[in-house]
Amino acid sequence: MQTALDALLSGTAGDPVRHALGLDALDRQLRPLLPPALAPHVRLANVVDGRLVFLVDSPLWHARLRLAASELLDAARSIGLQVREVAIKAAKEPFQSPVTRRDPAPQAARGTGRSAATDDAFRAALAALDGPAPRETPGD
């Protein structure tokens, strides 16, 4: 599997994957700075044009994150991000709790150092690389 991952990360095809890995790392840095009740309902979706874009799983958490926006900006700046605003978008479904993820093995036992969401994204990317088999043309 490591060879496939190396191929996935090489060249320009790896840019979205590297971006996703960077966002996952930033999410793990910023999440502990959120109020404990809010953290499970918030995900960092992107950092673009000086804006932290967060995804929340309901309008209630949207309002609560908006209240914590200035602290988040300060925290992001303290780790070197040059951001000036927070954008918040609401998801259509609640997030799956990291505690109730499908993989029962704890992260440390897996030894990857990546979140379950990152592992899921890698599996989806690798599955997309396989793609459907090419069709045979008549007369071959």
N, C-alpha and C. Protein backbone atom coordinates (compact mmCIF):
# COMPACT_ATOMS: atom_id res chain seq x y z
N MET A 1 0.82 -1.18 0.00
CA MET A 1 0.00 0.00 0.00
C MET A 1 0.87 1.25 0.00
N GLN A 2 2.01 1.23 0.63
CA GLN A 2 2.87 2.41 0.68
C GLN A 2 3.29 2.85 -0.72
N THR A 3 3.54 1.91 -1.62
CA THR A 3 3.93 2.26 -2.98
C THR A 3 2.81 3.03 -3.68
N ALA A 4 1.58 2.57 -3.51
CA ALA A 4 0.45 3.27 -4.11
C ALA A 4 0.32 4.67 -3.51
N LEU A 5 0.55 4.80 -2.22
CA LEU A 5 0.48 6.11 -1.58
C LEU A 5 1.58 7.03 -2.09
N ASP A 6 2.78 6.50 -2.26
CA ASP A 6 3.87 7.30 -2.82
C ASP A 6 3.52 7.79 -4.22
N ALA A 7 2.93 6.92 -5.03
CA ALA A 7 2.53 7.30 -6.38
C ALA A 7 1.44 8.36 -6.34
N LEU A 8 0.54 8.23 -5.39
CA LEU A 8 -0.55 9.18 -5.26
C LEU A 8 -0.04 10.56 -4.89
N LEU A 9 0.99 10.62 -4.06
CA LEU A 9 1.52 11.89 -3.59
C LEU A 9 2.54 12.52 -4.53
N SER A 10 3.00 11.77 -5.53
CA SER A 10 4.02 12.31 -6.41
C SER A 10 3.41 13.20 -7.49
N GLY A 11 4.18 14.18 -7.92
CA GLY A 11 3.76 15.05 -9.02
C GLY A 11 2.58 15.93 -8.65
N THR A 12 1.98 16.51 -9.68
CA THR A 12 0.87 17.44 -9.45
C THR A 12 -0.39 16.72 -9.00
N ALA A 13 -0.50 15.42 -9.29
CA ALA A 13 -1.68 14.69 -8.85
C ALA A 13 -1.75 14.63 -7.33
N GLY A 14 -0.62 14.76 -6.66
CA GLY A 14 -0.59 14.71 -5.20
C GLY A 14 -0.94 16.01 -4.53
N ASP A 15 -1.03 17.11 -5.28
CA ASP A 15 -1.31 18.40 -4.66
C ASP A 15 -2.60 18.41 -3.85
N PRO A 16 -3.73 17.91 -4.36
CA PRO A 16 -4.95 17.90 -3.54
C PRO A 16 -4.80 17.02 -2.29
N VAL A 17 -4.07 15.93 -2.44
CA VAL A 17 -3.86 15.05 -1.29
C VAL A 17 -2.99 15.74 -0.25
N ARG A 18 -1.91 16.38 -0.72
CA ARG A 18 -1.07 17.13 0.22
C ARG A 18 -1.86 18.24 0.89
N HIS A 19 -2.70 18.91 0.14
CA HIS A 19 -3.54 19.96 0.70
C HIS A 19 -4.47 19.39 1.78
N ALA A 20 -5.07 18.25 1.50
CA ALA A 20 -5.97 17.60 2.47
C ALA A 20 -5.20 17.19 3.73
N LEU A 21 -3.99 16.68 3.56
CA LEU A 21 -3.17 16.31 4.71
C LEU A 21 -2.82 17.54 5.55
N GLY A 22 -2.50 18.64 4.88
CA GLY A 22 -2.20 19.89 5.59
C GLY A 22 -3.40 20.40 6.35
N LEU A 23 -4.58 20.34 5.73
CA LEU A 23 -5.80 20.77 6.41
C LEU A 23 -6.09 19.89 7.61
N ASP A 24 -5.87 18.59 7.46
CA ASP A 24 -6.08 17.67 8.59
C ASP A 24 -5.15 18.02 9.74
N ALA A 25 -3.90 18.32 9.44
CA ALA A 25 -2.94 18.69 10.48
C ALA A 25 -3.36 20.00 11.16
N LEU A 26 -3.79 20.98 10.37
CA LEU A 26 -4.25 22.24 10.95
C LEU A 26 -5.51 22.04 11.79
N ASP A 27 -6.40 21.20 11.31
CA ASP A 27 -7.62 20.91 12.06
C ASP A 27 -7.27 20.33 13.43
N ARG A 28 -6.29 19.41 13.46
CA ARG A 28 -5.87 18.81 14.73
C ARG A 28 -5.20 19.83 15.64
N GLN A 29 -4.58 20.86 15.09
CA GLN A 29 -3.96 21.90 15.91
C GLN A 29 -5.01 22.88 16.46
N LEU A 30 -6.01 23.19 15.66
CA LEU A 30 -6.99 24.20 16.06
C LEU A 30 -8.12 23.62 16.92
N ARG A 31 -8.47 22.36 16.71
CA ARG A 31 -9.60 21.76 17.43
C ARG A 31 -9.46 21.83 18.95
N PRO A 32 -8.28 21.56 19.53
CA PRO A 32 -8.17 21.64 21.00
C PRO A 32 -8.39 23.05 21.55
N LEU A 33 -8.32 24.05 20.70
CA LEU A 33 -8.50 25.43 21.14
C LEU A 33 -9.97 25.84 21.17
N LEU A 34 -10.83 24.97 20.66
CA LEU A 34 -12.27 25.24 20.68
C LEU A 34 -12.86 24.84 22.03
N PRO A 35 -13.99 25.44 22.40
CA PRO A 35 -14.68 24.96 23.60
C PRO A 35 -15.00 23.47 23.46
N PRO A 36 -14.85 22.67 24.52
CA PRO A 36 -15.02 21.21 24.41
C PRO A 36 -16.37 20.77 23.83
N ALA A 37 -17.44 21.47 24.13
CA ALA A 37 -18.74 21.08 23.58
C ALA A 37 -18.83 21.36 22.08
N LEU A 38 -18.07 22.31 21.59
CA LEU A 38 -18.13 22.73 20.19
C LEU A 38 -17.24 21.87 19.29
N ALA A 39 -16.11 21.45 19.79
CA ALA A 39 -15.09 20.77 18.98
C ALA A 39 -15.61 19.59 18.16
N PRO A 40 -16.45 18.69 18.69
CA PRO A 40 -16.90 17.55 17.87
C PRO A 40 -17.81 17.94 16.71
N HIS A 41 -18.29 19.17 16.69
CA HIS A 41 -19.25 19.59 15.67
C HIS A 41 -18.63 20.50 14.61
N VAL A 42 -17.31 20.66 14.65
CA VAL A 42 -16.62 21.59 13.76
C VAL A 42 -15.48 20.87 13.03
N ARG A 43 -15.32 21.16 11.74
CA ARG A 43 -14.20 20.65 10.96
C ARG A 43 -13.62 21.81 10.15
N LEU A 44 -12.30 21.85 10.06
CA LEU A 44 -11.66 22.83 9.19
C LEU A 44 -11.82 22.34 7.76
N ALA A 45 -12.44 23.13 6.91
CA ALA A 45 -12.69 22.72 5.53
C ALA A 45 -11.63 23.25 4.58
N ASN A 46 -11.12 24.47 4.87
CA ASN A 46 -10.14 25.05 3.95
C ASN A 46 -9.52 26.29 4.59
N VAL A 47 -8.40 26.68 4.04
CA VAL A 47 -7.77 27.96 4.35
C VAL A 47 -7.47 28.57 2.99
N VAL A 48 -8.16 29.68 2.68
CA VAL A 48 -8.02 30.27 1.36
C VAL A 48 -8.18 31.78 1.44
N ASP A 49 -7.29 32.50 0.77
CA ASP A 49 -7.36 33.96 0.69
C ASP A 49 -7.52 34.63 2.06
N GLY A 50 -6.75 34.19 3.04
CA GLY A 50 -6.80 34.80 4.36
C GLY A 50 -8.03 34.45 5.16
N ARG A 51 -8.70 33.39 4.76
CA ARG A 51 -9.96 33.00 5.41
C ARG A 51 -9.87 31.56 5.90
N LEU A 52 -10.23 31.35 7.16
CA LEU A 52 -10.40 29.99 7.68
C LEU A 52 -11.83 29.58 7.38
N VAL A 53 -12.01 28.49 6.66
CA VAL A 53 -13.35 28.03 6.33
C VAL A 53 -13.64 26.79 7.17
N PHE A 54 -14.67 26.88 7.99
CA PHE A 54 -15.05 25.77 8.85
C PHE A 54 -16.39 25.22 8.41
N LEU A 55 -16.58 23.93 8.65
CA LEU A 55 -17.84 23.25 8.40
C LEU A 55 -18.39 22.83 9.75
N VAL A 56 -19.65 23.15 10.01
CA VAL A 56 -20.31 22.75 11.25
C VAL A 56 -21.50 21.86 10.90
N ASP A 57 -21.94 21.06 11.86
CA ASP A 57 -23.00 20.10 11.53
C ASP A 57 -24.42 20.56 11.86
N SER A 58 -24.60 21.83 12.26
CA SER A 58 -25.95 22.37 12.42
C SER A 58 -25.88 23.88 12.61
N PRO A 59 -27.00 24.56 12.40
CA PRO A 59 -27.02 26.02 12.60
C PRO A 59 -26.69 26.43 14.04
N LEU A 60 -27.03 25.60 15.01
CA LEU A 60 -26.71 25.91 16.41
C LEU A 60 -25.20 26.06 16.59
N TRP A 61 -24.45 25.13 16.03
CA TRP A 61 -22.99 25.17 16.17
C TRP A 61 -22.40 26.29 15.32
N HIS A 62 -23.10 26.67 14.25
CA HIS A 62 -22.68 27.82 13.44
C HIS A 62 -22.63 29.06 14.32
N ALA A 63 -23.68 29.28 15.10
CA ALA A 63 -23.74 30.45 15.97
C ALA A 63 -22.66 30.39 17.05
N ARG A 64 -22.46 29.22 17.61
CA ARG A 64 -21.46 29.10 18.68
C ARG A 64 -20.04 29.28 18.13
N LEU A 65 -19.79 28.78 16.93
CA LEU A 65 -18.46 28.98 16.35
C LEU A 65 -18.24 30.45 16.01
N ARG A 66 -19.27 31.12 15.55
CA ARG A 66 -19.17 32.54 15.25
C ARG A 66 -18.72 33.30 16.50
N LEU A 67 -19.23 32.90 17.66
CA LEU A 67 -18.83 33.55 18.92
C LEU A 67 -17.36 33.30 19.26
N ALA A 68 -16.82 32.17 18.81
CA ALA A 68 -15.43 31.83 19.11
C ALA A 68 -14.47 32.25 18.00
N ALA A 69 -14.96 32.96 16.98
CA ALA A 69 -14.16 33.30 15.80
C ALA A 69 -12.91 34.10 16.12
N SER A 70 -13.01 35.09 16.98
CA SER A 70 -11.83 35.93 17.26
C SER A 70 -10.73 35.12 17.96
N GLU A 71 -11.12 34.21 18.85
CA GLU A 71 -10.12 33.35 19.50
C GLU A 71 -9.47 32.41 18.49
N LEU A 72 -10.27 31.91 17.55
CA LEU A 72 -9.72 31.03 16.51
C LEU A 72 -8.74 31.77 15.62
N LEU A 73 -9.06 32.97 15.26
CA LEU A 73 -8.15 33.77 14.43
C LEU A 73 -6.84 34.01 15.17
N ASP A 74 -6.92 34.35 16.45
CA ASP A 74 -5.71 34.55 17.24
C ASP A 74 -4.88 33.28 17.31
N ALA A 75 -5.55 32.14 17.52
CA ALA A 75 -4.84 30.86 17.60
C ALA A 75 -4.19 30.52 16.26
N ALA A 76 -4.91 30.75 15.17
CA ALA A 76 -4.36 30.46 13.84
C ALA A 76 -3.15 31.34 13.56
N ARG A 77 -3.24 32.59 13.94
CA ARG A 77 -2.09 33.50 13.74
C ARG A 77 -0.91 33.07 14.59
N SER A 78 -1.18 32.54 15.79
CA SER A 78 -0.09 32.12 16.68
C SER A 78 0.68 30.92 16.12
N ILE A 79 0.06 30.15 15.21
CA ILE A 79 0.78 29.02 14.61
C ILE A 79 1.29 29.37 13.21
N GLY A 80 1.23 30.66 12.86
CA GLY A 80 1.86 31.11 11.62
C GLY A 80 0.94 31.34 10.44
N LEU A 81 -0.35 31.14 10.59
CA LEU A 81 -1.26 31.39 9.47
C LEU A 81 -1.56 32.88 9.39
N GLN A 82 -1.61 33.38 8.18
CA GLN A 82 -1.96 34.78 7.97
C GLN A 82 -3.42 34.83 7.53
N VAL A 83 -4.30 34.89 8.54
CA VAL A 83 -5.74 34.88 8.27
C VAL A 83 -6.37 36.12 8.89
N ARG A 84 -7.47 36.54 8.28
CA ARG A 84 -8.12 37.76 8.76
C ARG A 84 -9.61 37.55 9.05
N GLU A 85 -10.17 36.41 8.62
CA GLU A 85 -11.59 36.18 8.86
C GLU A 85 -11.91 34.69 8.92
N VAL A 86 -13.08 34.41 9.47
CA VAL A 86 -13.58 33.04 9.58
C VAL A 86 -14.87 32.95 8.77
N ALA A 87 -14.96 31.93 7.93
CA ALA A 87 -16.20 31.64 7.21
C ALA A 87 -16.73 30.31 7.75
N ILE A 88 -18.02 30.23 7.90
CA ILE A 88 -18.63 29.03 8.47
C ILE A 88 -19.74 28.55 7.55
N LYS A 89 -19.73 27.27 7.25
CA LYS A 89 -20.76 26.67 6.42
C LYS A 89 -21.37 25.50 7.20
N ALA A 90 -22.66 25.28 7.03
CA ALA A 90 -23.34 24.20 7.73
C ALA A 90 -23.45 22.98 6.84
N ALA A 91 -23.16 21.82 7.41
CA ALA A 91 -23.29 20.54 6.69
C ALA A 91 -24.74 20.08 6.74
N LYS A 92 -25.08 19.14 5.89
CA LYS A 92 -26.45 18.64 5.85
C LYS A 92 -26.68 17.52 6.85
N GLU A 93 -25.59 16.88 7.31
CA GLU A 93 -25.70 15.77 8.26
C GLU A 93 -24.72 15.97 9.39
N PRO A 94 -25.02 15.41 10.57
CA PRO A 94 -24.07 15.48 11.68
C PRO A 94 -22.79 14.73 11.32
N PHE A 95 -21.68 15.18 11.90
CA PHE A 95 -20.41 14.51 11.68
C PHE A 95 -20.37 13.20 12.43
N GLN A 96 -19.61 12.25 11.90
CA GLN A 96 -19.39 11.00 12.61
C GLN A 96 -18.35 11.26 13.69
N SER A 97 -18.67 10.88 14.89
CA SER A 97 -17.75 11.09 16.00
C SER A 97 -16.50 10.25 15.81
N PRO A 98 -15.30 10.81 16.09
CA PRO A 98 -14.09 10.01 15.98
C PRO A 98 -14.11 8.81 16.91
N VAL A 99 -14.87 8.88 17.98
CA VAL A 99 -14.95 7.76 18.92
C VAL A 99 -15.75 6.61 18.33
N THR A 100 -16.74 6.91 17.49
CA THR A 100 -17.60 5.86 16.93
C THR A 100 -17.27 5.55 15.48
N ARG A 101 -16.05 5.80 15.07
CA ARG A 101 -15.69 5.53 13.67
C ARG A 101 -15.71 4.03 13.41
N ARG A 102 -15.70 3.66 12.15
CA ARG A 102 -15.81 2.26 11.76
C ARG A 102 -14.61 1.44 12.18
N ASP A 103 -13.43 2.03 12.22
CA ASP A 103 -12.22 1.32 12.58
C ASP A 103 -12.09 1.29 14.10
N PRO A 104 -12.27 0.12 14.74
CA PRO A 104 -12.24 0.08 16.19
C PRO A 104 -10.85 0.22 16.78
N ALA A 105 -9.79 0.06 15.98
CA ALA A 105 -8.43 0.17 16.50
C ALA A 105 -8.10 1.62 16.79
N PRO A 106 -7.57 1.93 17.97
CA PRO A 106 -7.20 3.31 18.25
C PRO A 106 -6.10 3.77 17.32
N GLN A 107 -6.03 5.08 17.14
CA GLN A 107 -5.07 5.66 16.20
C GLN A 107 -3.65 5.26 16.53
N ALA A 108 -3.28 5.28 17.80
CA ALA A 108 -1.92 4.92 18.18
C ALA A 108 -1.62 3.47 17.84
N ALA A 109 -2.62 2.60 17.97
CA ALA A 109 -2.40 1.19 17.65
C ALA A 109 -2.19 1.00 16.15
N ARG A 110 -2.85 1.83 15.34
CA ARG A 110 -2.65 1.74 13.89
C ARG A 110 -1.27 2.24 13.53
N GLY A 111 -0.75 3.18 14.33
CA GLY A 111 0.61 3.67 14.11
C GLY A 111 0.75 4.62 12.94
N THR A 112 -0.34 5.13 12.41
CA THR A 112 -0.22 5.99 11.22
C THR A 112 -0.04 7.45 11.59
N GLY A 113 -0.58 7.88 12.73
CA GLY A 113 -0.52 9.28 13.10
C GLY A 113 -1.50 10.14 12.33
N ARG A 114 -2.37 9.52 11.52
CA ARG A 114 -3.38 10.25 10.75
C ARG A 114 -4.74 10.04 11.38
N SER A 115 -5.65 10.96 11.14
CA SER A 115 -7.01 10.83 11.64
C SER A 115 -7.78 9.81 10.80
N ALA A 116 -8.90 9.37 11.33
CA ALA A 116 -9.75 8.44 10.60
C ALA A 116 -10.26 9.06 9.31
N ALA A 117 -10.55 10.36 9.34
CA ALA A 117 -11.03 11.05 8.13
C ALA A 117 -9.96 11.04 7.04
N THR A 118 -8.70 11.22 7.44
CA THR A 118 -7.61 11.18 6.48
C THR A 118 -7.47 9.79 5.88
N ASP A 119 -7.55 8.77 6.74
CA ASP A 119 -7.47 7.40 6.24
C ASP A 119 -8.60 7.10 5.26
N ASP A 120 -9.82 7.57 5.59
CA ASP A 120 -10.95 7.37 4.67
C ASP A 120 -10.71 8.07 3.34
N ALA A 121 -10.14 9.28 3.38
CA ALA A 121 -9.86 10.02 2.15
C ALA A 121 -8.82 9.29 1.31
N PHE A 122 -7.80 8.71 1.96
CA PHE A 122 -6.80 7.94 1.22
C PHE A 122 -7.44 6.73 0.54
N ARG A 123 -8.29 6.01 1.28
CA ARG A 123 -8.94 4.84 0.68
C ARG A 123 -9.79 5.25 -0.52
N ALA A 124 -10.51 6.35 -0.41
CA ALA A 124 -11.35 6.81 -1.52
C ALA A 124 -10.49 7.22 -2.71
N ALA A 125 -9.37 7.90 -2.45
CA ALA A 125 -8.48 8.32 -3.54
C ALA A 125 -7.87 7.11 -4.24
N LEU A 126 -7.46 6.13 -3.47
CA LEU A 126 -6.88 4.92 -4.07
C LEU A 126 -7.92 4.15 -4.87
N ALA A 127 -9.14 4.10 -4.37
CA ALA A 127 -10.21 3.43 -5.12
C ALA A 127 -10.49 4.16 -6.42
N ALA A 128 -10.42 5.48 -6.41
CA ALA A 128 -10.66 6.27 -7.62
C ALA A 128 -9.57 6.03 -8.66
N LEU A 129 -8.33 5.77 -8.18
CA LEU A 129 -7.24 5.50 -9.11
C LEU A 129 -7.45 4.19 -9.85
N ASP A 130 -8.08 3.22 -9.19
CA ASP A 130 -8.35 1.93 -9.84
C ASP A 130 -9.30 2.12 -11.01
N GLY A 131 -10.41 2.82 -10.78
CA GLY A 131 -11.37 3.13 -11.84
C GLY A 131 -11.92 1.88 -12.51
N PRO A 132 -12.86 2.05 -13.40
CA PRO A 132 -13.43 0.92 -14.12
C PRO A 132 -12.45 0.40 -15.17
N ALA A 133 -12.56 -0.86 -15.48
CA ALA A 133 -11.71 -1.47 -16.50
C ALA A 133 -12.07 -0.91 -17.87
N PRO A 134 -11.08 -0.72 -18.76
CA PRO A 134 -11.39 -0.20 -20.10
C PRO A 134 -12.26 -1.19 -20.87
N ARG A 135 -13.15 -0.66 -21.68
CA ARG A 135 -14.02 -1.52 -22.48
C ARG A 135 -13.29 -2.01 -23.71
N GLU A 136 -13.65 -3.22 -24.11
CA GLU A 136 -13.09 -3.76 -25.35
C GLU A 136 -13.92 -3.29 -26.51
N THR A 137 -13.25 -2.95 -27.60
CA THR A 137 -13.98 -2.52 -28.80
C THR A 137 -14.29 -3.75 -29.66
N PRO A 138 -15.40 -3.73 -30.36
CA PRO A 138 -15.73 -4.87 -31.23
C PRO A 138 -14.66 -5.07 -32.29
N GLY A 139 -14.35 -6.31 -32.55
CA GLY A 139 -13.38 -6.63 -33.60
C GLY A 139 -11.99 -6.81 -33.05
N ASP A 140 -11.80 -6.69 -31.71
CA ASP A 140 -10.46 -6.90 -31.13
C ASP A 140 -10.18 -8.35 -30.94
